[in-house]
Amino acid sequence: MKIFEAILAAVFFLLGIRSLVHWLRRPFDSTDARDHVLFALFVTGRAGLWFALSGVFALYAITPTEGRAFIDDVRAYDWLLIVFLLLAALQLLAGFFLGRRSTDG
């Protein structure tokens, strides 16, 4: 196990927990169900990005790279980039649509 990557995985995991706690404690005054769904998607994307980064470094920490190129060893985890991009898009779109919602009904 690589120590630097494991430390970064733990730090990003703790940042994900902090982000989740911060956004769930934030008061949300809307009564519209669509606003609540958009806010839940926003929080999922926001905290999920931290957890995805934590997962990347955790996978890098446990992947043995002795005698081979690093890129050959992590090629199997290319799908994690798609997860990261989907979470970023989820946060961006949910934040955009939540900001465009009208407050007068």
PDB file of N, CA and C in Angstrom:
ATOM      1  N   MET A   1       0.852  -1.184   0.000  1.00  0.00           N
ATOM      2  CA  MET A   1       0.000   0.000   0.000  1.00  0.00           C
ATOM      3  C   MET A   1       0.893   1.242   0.000  1.00  0.00           C
ATOM      4  N   LYS A   2       0.488   2.199  -0.772  1.00  0.00           N
ATOM      5  CA  LYS A   2       1.230   3.455  -0.856  1.00  0.00           C
ATOM      6  C   LYS A   2       0.644   4.447   0.151  1.00  0.00           C
ATOM      7  N   ILE A   3       1.493   4.986   0.988  1.00  0.00           N
ATOM      8  CA  ILE A   3       1.045   5.818   2.099  1.00  0.00           C
ATOM      9  C   ILE A   3       0.469   7.150   1.620  1.00  0.00           C
ATOM     10  N   PHE A   4       1.133   7.813   0.684  1.00  0.00           N
ATOM     11  CA  PHE A   4       0.673   9.127   0.221  1.00  0.00           C
ATOM     12  C   PHE A   4      -0.732   9.049  -0.371  1.00  0.00           C
ATOM     13  N   GLU A   5      -0.971   8.057  -1.220  1.00  0.00           N
ATOM     14  CA  GLU A   5      -2.290   7.899  -1.829  1.00  0.00           C
ATOM     15  C   GLU A   5      -3.350   7.545  -0.786  1.00  0.00           C
ATOM     16  N   ALA A   6      -2.966   6.728   0.199  1.00  0.00           N
ATOM     17  CA  ALA A   6      -3.918   6.365   1.255  1.00  0.00           C
ATOM     18  C   ALA A   6      -4.295   7.589   2.093  1.00  0.00           C
ATOM     19  N   ILE A   7      -3.325   8.447   2.364  1.00  0.00           N
ATOM     20  CA  ILE A   7      -3.612   9.674   3.122  1.00  0.00           C
ATOM     21  C   ILE A   7      -4.543  10.583   2.328  1.00  0.00           C
ATOM     22  N   LEU A   8      -4.268  10.737   1.033  1.00  0.00           N
ATOM     23  CA  LEU A   8      -5.143  11.568   0.198  1.00  0.00           C
ATOM     24  C   LEU A   8      -6.547  10.974   0.104  1.00  0.00           C
ATOM     25  N   ALA A   9      -6.652   9.655   0.020  1.00  0.00           N
ATOM     26  CA  ALA A   9      -7.971   9.009  -0.012  1.00  0.00           C
ATOM     27  C   ALA A   9      -8.739   9.308   1.271  1.00  0.00           C
ATOM     28  N   ALA A  10      -8.057   9.245   2.404  1.00  0.00           N
ATOM     29  CA  ALA A  10      -8.713   9.525   3.682  1.00  0.00           C
ATOM     30  C   ALA A  10      -9.125  10.990   3.782  1.00  0.00           C
ATOM     31  N   VAL A  11      -8.266  11.893   3.313  1.00  0.00           N
ATOM     32  CA  VAL A  11      -8.586  13.327   3.357  1.00  0.00           C
ATOM     33  C   VAL A  11      -9.792  13.635   2.477  1.00  0.00           C
ATOM     34  N   PHE A  12      -9.818  13.095   1.268  1.00  0.00           N
ATOM     35  CA  PHE A  12     -10.947  13.344   0.375  1.00  0.00           C
ATOM     36  C   PHE A  12     -12.233  12.709   0.906  1.00  0.00           C
ATOM     37  N   PHE A  13     -12.119  11.557   1.566  1.00  0.00           N
ATOM     38  CA  PHE A  13     -13.290  10.938   2.173  1.00  0.00           C
ATOM     39  C   PHE A  13     -13.847  11.823   3.287  1.00  0.00           C
ATOM     40  N   LEU A  14     -12.964  12.358   4.108  1.00  0.00           N
ATOM     41  CA  LEU A  14     -13.408  13.253   5.179  1.00  0.00           C
ATOM     42  C   LEU A  14     -14.004  14.547   4.620  1.00  0.00           C
ATOM     43  N   LEU A  15     -13.456  15.040   3.527  1.00  0.00           N
ATOM     44  CA  LEU A  15     -14.040  16.218   2.878  1.00  0.00           C
ATOM     45  C   LEU A  15     -15.426  15.900   2.316  1.00  0.00           C
ATOM     46  N   GLY A  16     -15.626  14.691   1.832  1.00  0.00           N
ATOM     47  CA  GLY A  16     -16.951  14.275   1.363  1.00  0.00           C
ATOM     48  C   GLY A  16     -17.957  14.229   2.504  1.00  0.00           C
ATOM     49  N   ILE A  17     -17.541  13.701   3.651  1.00  0.00           N
ATOM     50  CA  ILE A  17     -18.417  13.681   4.827  1.00  0.00           C
ATOM     51  C   ILE A  17     -18.740  15.103   5.259  1.00  0.00           C
ATOM     52  N   ARG A  18     -17.716  15.969   5.279  1.00  0.00           N
ATOM     53  CA  ARG A  18     -17.918  17.367   5.672  1.00  0.00           C
ATOM     54  C   ARG A  18     -18.880  18.066   4.721  1.00  0.00           C
ATOM     55  N   SER A  19     -18.716  17.844   3.424  1.00  0.00           N
ATOM     56  CA  SER A  19     -19.591  18.460   2.438  1.00  0.00           C
ATOM     57  C   SER A  19     -21.025  17.972   2.609  1.00  0.00           C
ATOM     58  N   LEU A  20     -21.178  16.687   2.824  1.00  0.00           N
ATOM     59  CA  LEU A  20     -22.513  16.124   3.012  1.00  0.00           C
ATOM     60  C   LEU A  20     -23.190  16.703   4.247  1.00  0.00           C
ATOM     61  N   VAL A  21     -22.468  16.774   5.350  1.00  0.00           N
ATOM     62  CA  VAL A  21     -23.028  17.324   6.588  1.00  0.00           C
ATOM     63  C   VAL A  21     -23.357  18.804   6.411  1.00  0.00           C
ATOM     64  N   HIS A  22     -22.449  19.545   5.766  1.00  0.00           N
ATOM     65  CA  HIS A  22     -22.678  20.984   5.560  1.00  0.00           C
ATOM     66  C   HIS A  22     -23.935  21.251   4.753  1.00  0.00           C
ATOM     67  N   TRP A  23     -24.098  20.545   3.640  1.00  0.00           N
ATOM     68  CA  TRP A  23     -25.236  20.817   2.771  1.00  0.00           C
ATOM     69  C   TRP A  23     -26.541  20.274   3.327  1.00  0.00           C
ATOM     70  N   LEU A  24     -26.489  19.214   4.126  1.00  0.00           N
ATOM     71  CA  LEU A  24     -27.718  18.689   4.708  1.00  0.00           C
ATOM     72  C   LEU A  24     -28.184  19.507   5.904  1.00  0.00           C
ATOM     73  N   ARG A  25     -27.282  20.234   6.534  1.00  0.00           N
ATOM     74  CA  ARG A  25     -27.671  21.119   7.634  1.00  0.00           C
ATOM     75  C   ARG A  25     -28.173  22.472   7.143  1.00  0.00           C
ATOM     76  N   ARG A  26     -27.952  22.764   5.901  1.00  0.00           N
ATOM     77  CA  ARG A  26     -28.349  24.049   5.335  1.00  0.00           C
ATOM     78  C   ARG A  26     -29.872  24.112   5.224  1.00  0.00           C
ATOM     79  N   PRO A  27     -30.488  25.182   5.729  1.00  0.00           N
ATOM     80  CA  PRO A  27     -31.953  25.266   5.644  1.00  0.00           C
ATOM     81  C   PRO A  27     -32.413  25.428   4.191  1.00  0.00           C
ATOM     82  N   PHE A  28     -33.475  24.723   3.864  1.00  0.00           N
ATOM     83  CA  PHE A  28     -34.034  24.780   2.514  1.00  0.00           C
ATOM     84  C   PHE A  28     -35.523  25.047   2.666  1.00  0.00           C
ATOM     85  N   ASP A  29     -35.961  26.243   2.311  1.00  0.00           N
ATOM     86  CA  ASP A  29     -37.296  26.731   2.647  1.00  0.00           C
ATOM     87  C   ASP A  29     -38.381  26.423   1.619  1.00  0.00           C
ATOM     88  N   SER A  30     -38.049  25.826   0.533  1.00  0.00           N
ATOM     89  CA  SER A  30     -39.050  25.583  -0.507  1.00  0.00           C
ATOM     90  C   SER A  30     -40.010  24.468  -0.093  1.00  0.00           C
ATOM     91  N   THR A  31     -41.245  24.588  -0.559  1.00  0.00           N
ATOM     92  CA  THR A  31     -42.230  23.539  -0.322  1.00  0.00           C
ATOM     93  C   THR A  31     -42.489  22.712  -1.579  1.00  0.00           C
ATOM     94  N   ASP A  32     -41.904  23.105  -2.689  1.00  0.00           N
ATOM     95  CA  ASP A  32     -42.092  22.400  -3.948  1.00  0.00           C
ATOM     96  C   ASP A  32     -41.230  21.133  -3.977  1.00  0.00           C
ATOM     97  N   ALA A  33     -41.838  20.030  -4.362  1.00  0.00           N
ATOM     98  CA  ALA A  33     -41.131  18.753  -4.390  1.00  0.00           C
ATOM     99  C   ALA A  33     -40.004  18.763  -5.424  1.00  0.00           C
ATOM    100  N   ARG A  34     -40.202  19.465  -6.546  1.00  0.00           N
ATOM    101  CA  ARG A  34     -39.153  19.528  -7.569  1.00  0.00           C
ATOM    102  C   ARG A  34     -37.910  20.238  -7.058  1.00  0.00           C
ATOM    103  N   ASP A  35     -38.102  21.270  -6.237  1.00  0.00           N
ATOM    104  CA  ASP A  35     -36.956  21.951  -5.646  1.00  0.00           C
ATOM    105  C   ASP A  35     -36.180  21.024  -4.721  1.00  0.00           C
ATOM    106  N   HIS A  36     -36.902  20.213  -3.967  1.00  0.00           N
ATOM    107  CA  HIS A  36     -36.235  19.275  -3.068  1.00  0.00           C
ATOM    108  C   HIS A  36     -35.475  18.193  -3.834  1.00  0.00           C
ATOM    109  N   VAL A  37     -36.037  17.736  -4.936  1.00  0.00           N
ATOM    110  CA  VAL A  37     -35.342  16.751  -5.764  1.00  0.00           C
ATOM    111  C   VAL A  37     -34.088  17.371  -6.373  1.00  0.00           C
ATOM    112  N   LEU A  38     -34.199  18.592  -6.884  1.00  0.00           N
ATOM    113  CA  LEU A  38     -33.032  19.260  -7.455  1.00  0.00           C
ATOM    114  C   LEU A  38     -31.954  19.504  -6.398  1.00  0.00           C
ATOM    115  N   PHE A  39     -32.370  19.875  -5.201  1.00  0.00           N
ATOM    116  CA  PHE A  39     -31.408  20.094  -4.132  1.00  0.00           C
ATOM    117  C   PHE A  39     -30.729  18.781  -3.737  1.00  0.00           C
ATOM    118  N   ALA A  40     -31.485  17.696  -3.691  1.00  0.00           N
ATOM    119  CA  ALA A  40     -30.906  16.386  -3.374  1.00  0.00           C
ATOM    120  C   ALA A  40     -29.908  15.957  -4.448  1.00  0.00           C
ATOM    121  N   LEU A  41     -30.237  16.222  -5.713  1.00  0.00           N
ATOM    122  CA  LEU A  41     -29.302  15.901  -6.791  1.00  0.00           C
ATOM    123  C   LEU A  41     -28.042  16.758  -6.701  1.00  0.00           C
ATOM    124  N   PHE A  42     -28.201  18.029  -6.348  1.00  0.00           N
ATOM    125  CA  PHE A  42     -27.064  18.924  -6.186  1.00  0.00           C
ATOM    126  C   PHE A  42     -26.145  18.429  -5.075  1.00  0.00           C
ATOM    127  N   VAL A  43     -26.720  18.074  -3.939  1.00  0.00           N
ATOM    128  CA  VAL A  43     -25.924  17.596  -2.802  1.00  0.00           C
ATOM    129  C   VAL A  43     -25.252  16.269  -3.141  1.00  0.00           C
ATOM    130  N   THR A  44     -25.956  15.395  -3.854  1.00  0.00           N
ATOM    131  CA  THR A  44     -25.374  14.121  -4.265  1.00  0.00           C
ATOM    132  C   THR A  44     -24.168  14.342  -5.177  1.00  0.00           C
ATOM    133  N   GLY A  45     -24.309  15.246  -6.133  1.00  0.00           N
ATOM    134  CA  GLY A  45     -23.186  15.545  -7.021  1.00  0.00           C
ATOM    135  C   GLY A  45     -22.039  16.196  -6.290  1.00  0.00           C
ATOM    136  N   ARG A  46     -22.352  17.089  -5.388  1.00  0.00           N
ATOM    137  CA  ARG A  46     -21.316  17.830  -4.655  1.00  0.00           C
ATOM    138  C   ARG A  46     -20.504  16.912  -3.750  1.00  0.00           C
ATOM    139  N   ALA A  47     -21.173  16.156  -2.911  1.00  0.00           N
ATOM    140  CA  ALA A  47     -20.470  15.246  -1.999  1.00  0.00           C
ATOM    141  C   ALA A  47     -19.896  14.052  -2.767  1.00  0.00           C
ATOM    142  N   GLY A  48     -20.600  13.622  -3.800  1.00  0.00           N
ATOM    143  CA  GLY A  48     -20.128  12.487  -4.585  1.00  0.00           C
ATOM    144  C   GLY A  48     -18.808  12.735  -5.274  1.00  0.00           C
ATOM    145  N   LEU A  49     -18.532  13.979  -5.650  1.00  0.00           N
ATOM    146  CA  LEU A  49     -17.241  14.301  -6.253  1.00  0.00           C
ATOM    147  C   LEU A  49     -16.100  14.037  -5.277  1.00  0.00           C
ATOM    148  N   TRP A  50     -16.292  14.404  -4.026  1.00  0.00           N
ATOM    149  CA  TRP A  50     -15.256  14.145  -3.010  1.00  0.00           C
ATOM    150  C   TRP A  50     -15.069  12.645  -2.817  1.00  0.00           C
ATOM    151  N   PHE A  51     -16.191  11.907  -2.770  1.00  0.00           N
ATOM    152  CA  PHE A  51     -16.094  10.465  -2.577  1.00  0.00           C
ATOM    153  C   PHE A  51     -15.468   9.778  -3.795  1.00  0.00           C
ATOM    154  N   ALA A  52     -15.740  10.292  -4.986  1.00  0.00           N
ATOM    155  CA  ALA A  52     -15.122   9.732  -6.189  1.00  0.00           C
ATOM    156  C   ALA A  52     -13.614   9.974  -6.182  1.00  0.00           C
ATOM    157  N   LEU A  53     -13.197  11.172  -5.774  1.00  0.00           N
ATOM    158  CA  LEU A  53     -11.761  11.431  -5.657  1.00  0.00           C
ATOM    159  C   LEU A  53     -11.127  10.527  -4.614  1.00  0.00           C
ATOM    160  N   SER A  54     -11.825  10.317  -3.522  1.00  0.00           N
ATOM    161  CA  SER A  54     -11.330   9.408  -2.498  1.00  0.00           C
ATOM    162  C   SER A  54     -11.185   7.995  -3.064  1.00  0.00           C
ATOM    163  N   GLY A  55     -12.150   7.578  -3.851  1.00  0.00           N
ATOM    164  CA  GLY A  55     -12.082   6.260  -4.470  1.00  0.00           C
ATOM    165  C   GLY A  55     -10.927   6.119  -5.436  1.00  0.00           C
ATOM    166  N   VAL A  56     -10.656   7.171  -6.205  1.00  0.00           N
ATOM    167  CA  VAL A  56      -9.531   7.140  -7.137  1.00  0.00           C
ATOM    168  C   VAL A  56      -8.228   6.904  -6.384  1.00  0.00           C
ATOM    169  N   PHE A  57      -8.003   7.680  -5.335  1.00  0.00           N
ATOM    170  CA  PHE A  57      -6.752   7.543  -4.601  1.00  0.00           C
ATOM    171  C   PHE A  57      -6.704   6.247  -3.799  1.00  0.00           C
ATOM    172  N   ALA A  58      -7.847   5.760  -3.336  1.00  0.00           N
ATOM    173  CA  ALA A  58      -7.860   4.464  -2.651  1.00  0.00           C
ATOM    174  C   ALA A  58      -7.487   3.342  -3.625  1.00  0.00           C
ATOM    175  N   LEU A  59      -8.011   3.405  -4.845  1.00  0.00           N
ATOM    176  CA  LEU A  59      -7.643   2.401  -5.844  1.00  0.00           C
ATOM    177  C   LEU A  59      -6.171   2.500  -6.210  1.00  0.00           C
ATOM    178  N   TYR A  60      -5.666   3.726  -6.336  1.00  0.00           N
ATOM    179  CA  TYR A  60      -4.244   3.895  -6.625  1.00  0.00           C
ATOM    180  C   TYR A  60      -3.382   3.382  -5.479  1.00  0.00           C
ATOM    181  N   ALA A  61      -3.880   3.511  -4.247  1.00  0.00           N
ATOM    182  CA  ALA A  61      -3.108   3.065  -3.086  1.00  0.00           C
ATOM    183  C   ALA A  61      -3.008   1.548  -3.018  1.00  0.00           C
ATOM    184  N   ILE A  62      -4.035   0.840  -3.460  1.00  0.00           N
ATOM    185  CA  ILE A  62      -4.020  -0.621  -3.330  1.00  0.00           C
ATOM    186  C   ILE A  62      -3.576  -1.331  -4.602  1.00  0.00           C
ATOM    187  N   THR A  63      -3.352  -0.594  -5.685  1.00  0.00           N
ATOM    188  CA  THR A  63      -2.939  -1.204  -6.943  1.00  0.00           C
ATOM    189  C   THR A  63      -1.427  -1.421  -6.935  1.00  0.00           C
ATOM    190  N   PRO A  64      -0.996  -2.662  -7.040  1.00  0.00           N
ATOM    191  CA  PRO A  64       0.463  -2.905  -7.086  1.00  0.00           C
ATOM    192  C   PRO A  64       1.026  -2.510  -8.445  1.00  0.00           C
ATOM    193  N   THR A  65       2.164  -1.861  -8.441  1.00  0.00           N
ATOM    194  CA  THR A  65       2.769  -1.376  -9.696  1.00  0.00           C
ATOM    195  C   THR A  65       4.215  -1.829  -9.827  1.00  0.00           C
ATOM    196  N   GLU A  66       4.563  -2.932  -9.280  1.00  0.00           N
ATOM    197  CA  GLU A  66       5.946  -3.377  -9.293  1.00  0.00           C
ATOM    198  C   GLU A  66       6.324  -3.945 -10.656  1.00  0.00           C
ATOM    199  N   GLY A  67       7.304  -3.313 -11.296  1.00  0.00           N
ATOM    200  CA  GLY A  67       7.837  -3.822 -12.547  1.00  0.00           C
ATOM    201  C   GLY A  67       7.057  -3.447 -13.786  1.00  0.00           C
ATOM    202  N   ARG A  68       5.950  -2.706 -13.632  1.00  0.00           N
ATOM    203  CA  ARG A  68       5.154  -2.316 -14.791  1.00  0.00           C
ATOM    204  C   ARG A  68       4.902  -0.819 -14.749  1.00  0.00           C
ATOM    205  N   ALA A  69       4.455  -0.309 -15.857  1.00  0.00           N
ATOM    206  CA  ALA A  69       4.095   1.106 -15.909  1.00  0.00           C
ATOM    207  C   ALA A  69       2.803   1.329 -15.127  1.00  0.00           C
ATOM    208  N   PHE A  70       2.715   2.462 -14.456  1.00  0.00           N
ATOM    209  CA  PHE A  70       1.551   2.775 -13.630  1.00  0.00           C
ATOM    210  C   PHE A  70       0.281   2.817 -14.468  1.00  0.00           C
ATOM    211  N   ILE A  71       0.360   3.366 -15.664  1.00  0.00           N
ATOM    212  CA  ILE A  71      -0.830   3.516 -16.507  1.00  0.00           C
ATOM    213  C   ILE A  71      -1.379   2.153 -16.925  1.00  0.00           C
ATOM    214  N   ASP A  72      -0.514   1.152 -17.033  1.00  0.00           N
ATOM    215  CA  ASP A  72      -0.987  -0.192 -17.375  1.00  0.00           C
ATOM    216  C   ASP A  72      -1.784  -0.798 -16.234  1.00  0.00           C
ATOM    217  N   ASP A  73      -1.416  -0.463 -15.011  1.00  0.00           N
ATOM    218  CA  ASP A  73      -2.096  -1.030 -13.847  1.00  0.00           C
ATOM    219  C   ASP A  73      -3.457  -0.394 -13.586  1.00  0.00           C
ATOM    220  N   VAL A  74      -3.604   0.871 -13.888  1.00  0.00           N
ATOM    221  CA  VAL A  74      -4.861   1.560 -13.571  1.00  0.00           C
ATOM    222  C   VAL A  74      -5.795   1.655 -14.769  1.00  0.00           C
ATOM    223  N   ARG A  75      -5.440   1.042 -15.867  1.00  0.00           N
ATOM    224  CA  ARG A  75      -6.283   1.066 -17.065  1.00  0.00           C
ATOM    225  C   ARG A  75      -7.657   0.454 -16.788  1.00  0.00           C
ATOM    226  N   ALA A  76      -7.736  -0.470 -15.863  1.00  0.00           N
ATOM    227  CA  ALA A  76      -9.006  -1.121 -15.547  1.00  0.00           C
ATOM    228  C   ALA A  76      -9.983  -0.192 -14.837  1.00  0.00           C
ATOM    229  N   TYR A  77      -9.494   0.924 -14.338  1.00  0.00           N
ATOM    230  CA  TYR A  77     -10.344   1.853 -13.590  1.00  0.00           C
ATOM    231  C   TYR A  77     -10.725   3.087 -14.403  1.00  0.00           C
ATOM    232  N   ASP A  78     -10.734   2.971 -15.714  1.00  0.00           N
ATOM    233  CA  ASP A  78     -11.134   4.092 -16.575  1.00  0.00           C
ATOM    234  C   ASP A  78     -12.584   4.494 -16.353  1.00  0.00           C
ATOM    235  N   TRP A  79     -13.412   3.557 -15.924  1.00  0.00           N
ATOM    236  CA  TRP A  79     -14.827   3.836 -15.687  1.00  0.00           C
ATOM    237  C   TRP A  79     -15.005   4.870 -14.580  1.00  0.00           C
ATOM    238  N   LEU A  80     -14.036   4.984 -13.693  1.00  0.00           N
ATOM    239  CA  LEU A  80     -14.157   5.937 -12.597  1.00  0.00           C
ATOM    240  C   LEU A  80     -14.137   7.380 -13.106  1.00  0.00           C
ATOM    241  N   LEU A  81     -13.472   7.626 -14.219  1.00  0.00           N
ATOM    242  CA  LEU A  81     -13.502   8.949 -14.833  1.00  0.00           C
ATOM    243  C   LEU A  81     -14.921   9.300 -15.276  1.00  0.00           C
ATOM    244  N   ILE A  82     -15.646   8.322 -15.804  1.00  0.00           N
ATOM    245  CA  ILE A  82     -17.030   8.560 -16.225  1.00  0.00           C
ATOM    246  C   ILE A  82     -17.905   8.873 -15.018  1.00  0.00           C
ATOM    247  N   VAL A  83     -17.701   8.152 -13.915  1.00  0.00           N
ATOM    248  CA  VAL A  83     -18.452   8.426 -12.689  1.00  0.00           C
ATOM    249  C   VAL A  83     -18.174   9.848 -12.223  1.00  0.00           C
ATOM    250  N   PHE A  84     -16.912  10.241 -12.228  1.00  0.00           N
ATOM    251  CA  PHE A  84     -16.528  11.591 -11.813  1.00  0.00           C
ATOM    252  C   PHE A  84     -17.193  12.647 -12.693  1.00  0.00           C
ATOM    253  N   LEU A  85     -17.169  12.448 -13.995  1.00  0.00           N
ATOM    254  CA  LEU A  85     -17.776  13.410 -14.920  1.00  0.00           C
ATOM    255  C   LEU A  85     -19.296  13.455 -14.771  1.00  0.00           C
ATOM    256  N   LEU A  86     -19.928  12.319 -14.542  1.00  0.00           N
ATOM    257  CA  LEU A  86     -21.379  12.294 -14.336  1.00  0.00           C
ATOM    258  C   LEU A  86     -21.777  13.026 -13.052  1.00  0.00           C
ATOM    259  N   LEU A  87     -21.000  12.850 -11.988  1.00  0.00           N
ATOM    260  CA  LEU A  87     -21.294  13.565 -10.751  1.00  0.00           C
ATOM    261  C   LEU A  87     -21.097  15.071 -10.923  1.00  0.00           C
ATOM    262  N   ALA A  88     -20.059  15.465 -11.659  1.00  0.00           N
ATOM    263  CA  ALA A  88     -19.838  16.888 -11.917  1.00  0.00           C
ATOM    264  C   ALA A  88     -20.984  17.463 -12.753  1.00  0.00           C
ATOM    265  N   ALA A  89     -21.436  16.728 -13.767  1.00  0.00           N
ATOM    266  CA  ALA A  89     -22.555  17.185 -14.589  1.00  0.00           C
ATOM    267  C   ALA A  89     -23.840  17.250 -13.771  1.00  0.00           C
ATOM    268  N   LEU A  90     -24.038  16.282 -12.884  1.00  0.00           N
ATOM    269  CA  LEU A  90     -25.217  16.276 -12.018  1.00  0.00           C
ATOM    270  C   LEU A  90     -25.247  17.509 -11.132  1.00  0.00           C
ATOM    271  N   GLN A  91     -24.119  17.829 -10.538  1.00  0.00           N
ATOM    272  CA  GLN A  91     -24.049  19.019  -9.688  1.00  0.00           C
ATOM    273  C   GLN A  91     -24.282  20.290 -10.499  1.00  0.00           C
ATOM    274  N   LEU A  92     -23.660  20.381 -11.644  1.00  0.00           N
ATOM    275  CA  LEU A  92     -23.794  21.573 -12.481  1.00  0.00           C
ATOM    276  C   LEU A  92     -25.235  21.762 -12.945  1.00  0.00           C
ATOM    277  N   LEU A  93     -25.852  20.725 -13.465  1.00  0.00           N
ATOM    278  CA  LEU A  93     -27.214  20.851 -13.984  1.00  0.00           C
ATOM    279  C   LEU A  93     -28.232  21.086 -12.870  1.00  0.00           C
ATOM    280  N   ALA A  94     -28.087  20.377 -11.755  1.00  0.00           N
ATOM    281  CA  ALA A  94     -29.021  20.579 -10.649  1.00  0.00           C
ATOM    282  C   ALA A  94     -28.891  21.982 -10.082  1.00  0.00           C
ATOM    283  N   GLY A  95     -27.669  22.476  -9.940  1.00  0.00           N
ATOM    284  CA  GLY A  95     -27.474  23.846  -9.464  1.00  0.00           C
ATOM    285  C   GLY A  95     -28.026  24.870 -10.435  1.00  0.00           C
ATOM    286  N   PHE A  96     -27.849  24.623 -11.726  1.00  0.00           N
ATOM    287  CA  PHE A  96     -28.366  25.540 -12.741  1.00  0.00           C
ATOM    288  C   PHE A  96     -29.888  25.602 -12.705  1.00  0.00           C
ATOM    289  N   PHE A  97     -30.526  24.427 -12.737  1.00  0.00           N
ATOM    290  CA  PHE A  97     -31.992  24.410 -12.740  1.00  0.00           C
ATOM    291  C   PHE A  97     -32.587  24.857 -11.429  1.00  0.00           C
ATOM    292  N   LEU A  98     -31.908  24.605 -10.331  1.00  0.00           N
ATOM    293  CA  LEU A  98     -32.381  25.070  -9.041  1.00  0.00           C
ATOM    294  C   LEU A  98     -32.295  26.592  -8.962  1.00  0.00           C
ATOM    295  N   GLY A  99     -31.273  27.161  -9.535  1.00  0.00           N
ATOM    296  CA  GLY A  99     -31.130  28.618  -9.554  1.00  0.00           C
ATOM    297  C   GLY A  99     -32.110  29.301 -10.489  1.00  0.00           C
ATOM    298  N   ARG A 100     -32.597  28.598 -11.494  1.00  0.00           N
ATOM    299  CA  ARG A 100     -33.533  29.176 -12.460  1.00  0.00           C
ATOM    300  C   ARG A 100     -34.994  29.025 -12.037  1.00  0.00           C
ATOM    301  N   ARG A 101     -35.238  28.292 -10.960  1.00  0.00           N
ATOM    302  CA  ARG A 101     -36.616  28.084 -10.504  1.00  0.00           C
ATOM    303  C   ARG A 101     -37.187  29.388  -9.976  1.00  0.00           C
ATOM    304  N   SER A 102     -38.429  29.632 -10.277  1.00  0.00           N
ATOM    305  CA  SER A 102     -39.118  30.839  -9.837  1.00  0.00           C
ATOM    306  C   SER A 102     -39.596  30.660  -8.394  1.00  0.00           C
ATOM    307  N   THR A 103     -39.513  31.715  -7.614  1.00  0.00           N
ATOM    308  CA  THR A 103     -39.964  31.647  -6.217  1.00  0.00           C
ATOM    309  C   THR A 103     -41.439  31.997  -6.064  1.00  0.00           C
ATOM    310  N   ASP A 104     -42.071  32.500  -7.112  1.00  0.00           N
ATOM    311  CA  ASP A 104     -43.471  32.915  -6.998  1.00  0.00           C
ATOM    312  C   ASP A 104     -44.458  31.856  -7.472  1.00  0.00           C
ATOM    313  N   GLY A 105     -44.030  30.616  -7.579  1.00  0.00           N
ATOM    314  CA  GLY A 105     -44.997  29.577  -7.846  1.00  0.00           C
ATOM    315  C   GLY A 105     -44.851  28.995  -9.165  1.00  0.00           C
TER     316      GLY A 105
END
